[in-house]
Protein backbone atom coordinates (compact mmCIF):
# COMPACT_ATOMS: atom_id res chain seq x y z
CA MET A 1 367.07 60.48 162.26
CA ASN A 2 364.32 58.52 161.12
CA ARG A 3 362.46 61.60 160.35
CA LEU A 4 365.28 63.48 158.48
CA THR A 5 365.58 60.50 156.42
CA ARG A 6 362.07 60.59 155.33
CA LEU A 7 362.91 64.55 154.81
CA SER A 8 365.68 63.81 152.02
CA PHE A 9 363.96 61.34 150.76
CA VAL A 10 360.71 64.12 149.85
CA PHE A 11 363.48 65.89 148.70
CA ILE A 12 364.99 63.46 146.09
CA LEU A 13 361.79 62.80 145.17
CA LEU A 14 360.66 66.21 144.21
CA ALA A 15 364.06 66.88 142.37
CA VAL A 16 363.66 63.98 140.02
CA ILE A 17 360.07 64.80 139.41
CA THR A 18 360.67 68.29 138.90
CA ALA A 19 363.51 67.31 136.16
CA CYS A 20 361.99 64.91 134.54
CA ALA A 21 359.17 67.47 133.88
CA GLY A 22 360.05 68.87 129.71
CA PRO A 23 357.79 70.46 127.11
CA LYS A 24 353.92 69.61 126.82
CA VAL A 25 353.72 68.54 123.23
CA SER A 26 350.21 68.19 122.54
CA GLN A 27 348.15 68.13 119.06
CA ASP A 28 345.21 69.12 116.93
CA TYR A 29 343.35 67.92 114.19
CA ASN A 30 340.16 67.30 112.39
CA GLU A 31 338.01 64.56 113.87
CA ASP A 32 336.06 63.52 110.35
CA THR A 33 340.33 63.33 108.72
CA GLU A 34 340.45 59.71 107.45
CA PHE A 35 344.78 59.32 107.86
CA ASP A 36 345.43 57.38 105.20
CA PRO A 37 347.65 54.92 106.34
CA GLY A 38 349.37 54.98 102.65
CA TRP A 39 350.67 58.65 103.54
CA GLY A 40 354.18 58.32 103.06
CA ARG A 41 355.99 60.72 100.59
CA TYR A 42 356.15 64.74 101.39
CA GLU A 43 357.38 67.56 100.13
CA TRP A 44 358.36 70.64 102.51
CA ARG A 45 355.88 74.11 102.52
CA GLY A 46 357.20 77.37 104.24
CA GLY A 47 357.52 77.53 107.78
CA THR A 48 360.18 80.14 109.68
CA SER A 49 362.45 80.16 112.92
CA GLN A 50 362.08 83.75 115.04
CA ILE A 51 364.50 81.93 117.93
CA ASP A 52 367.60 83.63 118.02
CA GLY A 53 370.40 81.35 116.58
CA VAL A 54 368.54 79.10 115.39
CA SER A 55 367.51 78.36 111.45
CA HIS A 56 364.69 77.56 109.76
CA SER A 57 366.48 75.06 107.57
CA ARG A 58 368.03 73.63 111.19
CA LEU A 59 364.67 72.74 112.25
CA GLN A 60 363.68 71.60 108.90
CA ARG A 61 366.48 68.93 109.10
CA ILE A 62 365.80 67.42 112.87
CA THR A 63 361.95 67.09 111.61
CA GLU A 64 363.70 65.93 108.31
CA GLN A 65 365.41 63.43 110.29
CA ALA A 66 362.58 62.44 113.01
CA MET A 67 360.15 61.93 109.69
CA VAL A 68 362.49 59.28 108.14
CA GLN A 69 362.57 57.41 111.55
CA ARG A 70 358.44 57.17 111.25
CA GLY A 71 359.00 56.09 107.56
CA TYR A 72 358.21 58.74 105.57
CA ARG A 73 360.39 60.03 102.68
CA LEU A 74 361.14 63.41 100.99
CA ASP A 75 359.75 63.31 97.69
CA PRO A 76 359.00 66.81 96.09
CA ASP A 77 357.55 65.59 92.92
CA ASN A 78 354.95 63.47 93.93
CA PRO A 79 354.20 64.37 97.42
CA GLN A 80 350.26 63.00 99.38
CA LEU A 81 351.67 65.11 102.33
CA TYR A 82 353.15 68.68 102.55
CA VAL A 83 355.30 69.76 105.79
CA SER A 84 355.79 72.58 107.93
CA VAL A 85 358.06 73.61 111.11
CA SER A 86 358.17 76.90 112.56
CA GLY A 87 359.67 77.90 115.78
CA THR A 88 358.79 81.31 118.08
CA THR A 89 359.72 82.42 121.37
CA ARG A 90 357.48 83.68 124.11
CA ALA A 91 356.65 85.15 127.52
CA ALA A 92 355.98 81.81 130.12
CA VAL A 93 354.55 83.60 133.45
CA GLY A 94 356.08 81.09 136.24
CA GLY A 95 355.35 80.92 139.99
CA GLY A 96 355.95 84.20 141.41
CA LYS A 97 357.34 85.79 143.98
CA SER A 98 356.69 87.85 146.88
CA VAL A 99 358.31 90.93 148.88
CA GLY A 100 356.57 91.56 152.06
CA ILE A 101 356.91 94.56 154.75
CA SER A 102 355.63 94.93 158.03
CA ILE A 103 355.65 97.61 161.44
CA GLY A 104 354.24 97.58 164.60
CA LEU A 105 354.50 100.07 166.72
CA PRO A 106 353.55 100.54 170.78
CA VAL A 107 350.29 102.47 171.73
CA GLY A 108 350.34 103.04 175.07
CA ASN A 109 350.27 100.48 177.96
CA SER A 110 348.51 97.65 176.24
CA GLY A 111 347.74 98.12 172.61
CA SER A 112 349.53 98.17 168.94
CA ILE A 113 348.79 98.91 165.32
CA GLY A 114 350.33 96.79 162.95
CA LEU A 115 350.90 97.96 158.81
CA GLY A 116 351.89 95.72 156.39
CA GLY A 117 351.83 94.92 152.78
CA SER A 118 353.49 92.44 150.07
CA LYS A 119 353.78 93.03 146.53
CA SER A 120 353.73 89.51 144.54
CA LEU A 121 356.50 89.79 141.30
CA GLU A 122 355.47 87.99 138.23
CA ASP A 123 358.39 85.60 137.00
CA ARG A 124 358.74 85.66 133.37
CA LYS A 125 360.78 84.19 131.07
CA GLN A 126 361.41 82.96 127.22
CA GLU A 127 360.33 80.13 126.07
CA GLY A 128 360.59 78.09 122.97
CA VAL A 129 357.51 77.05 121.24
CA ILE A 130 357.46 74.49 117.92
CA ILE A 131 354.14 73.58 115.39
CA VAL A 132 354.12 71.50 112.71
CA ASP A 133 351.46 71.39 110.08
CA ILE A 134 350.61 68.89 108.52
CA THR A 135 348.72 69.02 104.68
CA ASP A 136 346.95 67.05 102.70
CA ALA A 137 348.20 67.28 99.73
CA GLU A 138 345.98 66.23 97.01
CA SER A 139 342.56 68.74 98.94
CA ASN A 140 345.12 71.47 99.74
CA GLU A 141 343.32 71.00 103.76
CA LEU A 142 345.57 71.15 106.98
CA VAL A 143 344.99 67.70 108.44
CA TRP A 144 346.83 68.15 111.53
CA ARG A 145 348.85 70.48 113.82
CA GLY A 146 351.51 69.38 116.91
CA SER A 147 353.14 71.69 118.72
CA ALA A 148 355.35 71.76 122.33
CA GLU A 149 355.47 74.20 124.61
CA GLY A 150 357.51 74.95 126.98
CA ILE A 151 361.19 74.02 125.49
CA ALA A 152 364.12 75.61 126.98
CA LEU A 153 365.81 78.23 125.03
CA ARG A 154 369.39 76.25 126.25
CA ASP A 155 368.09 73.05 124.63
CA PHE A 156 367.93 75.09 121.38
CA GLU A 157 371.99 75.45 121.48
CA LEU A 158 373.71 73.32 118.84
CA ALA A 159 375.33 71.73 121.92
CA ARG A 160 371.96 70.57 123.05
CA GLU A 161 370.82 69.53 119.55
CA GLN A 162 369.94 66.04 120.75
CA GLN A 163 367.61 67.66 123.47
CA LEU A 164 365.45 69.15 120.43
CA ARG A 165 365.70 66.25 118.31
CA LYS A 166 363.76 63.92 121.36
CA VAL A 167 361.46 67.28 121.26
CA ILE A 168 360.54 67.03 118.01
CA GLY A 169 360.54 62.99 117.91
CA ARG A 170 357.91 63.47 121.03
CA LEU A 171 355.76 65.94 119.08
CA LEU A 172 355.60 63.50 115.86
CA ALA A 173 354.98 60.26 117.41
CA GLN A 174 351.38 61.44 117.47
CA PHE A 175 351.53 61.17 113.88
CA PRO A 176 349.17 60.08 112.85
CA PRO A 177 346.42 60.61 115.67
CA GLU A 178 344.98 57.01 116.60
């Protein structure tokens, strides 16, 4: 019973760790850029959505809510930053599966010949990617890019918009870089 309890604990722990794994957020920026603490006004610039069933305006609305929560405000007449958001899908190759077969044939009284083979099958699935670009309005230079990869496509459904808000919030929490 003690061994069964330990095995159960290990499986539950693995399930919890796997469930907590989410989209990977990352950032890229020019280290020579001085991120002005006074930056607070922005305007939208471009962006697209190539994810079925997800409009660009919806991504923009969710991103705008996250920007407002971080203290930024939309000011088309006098922006300090230009912000663009894009969404796309890509094929992700995950852990593969393999299929194998083997056969053994007896030869004579004490020998045998064995033949076998296997085939690995890639596990391909579609995943969502969101990219946010922030450009300095004065110099028109891209100063920061944040990306969220590995987003489950079901997280783009209207019923799961809260999940998408969390991802975009985590993404923008990196700006400005410390």
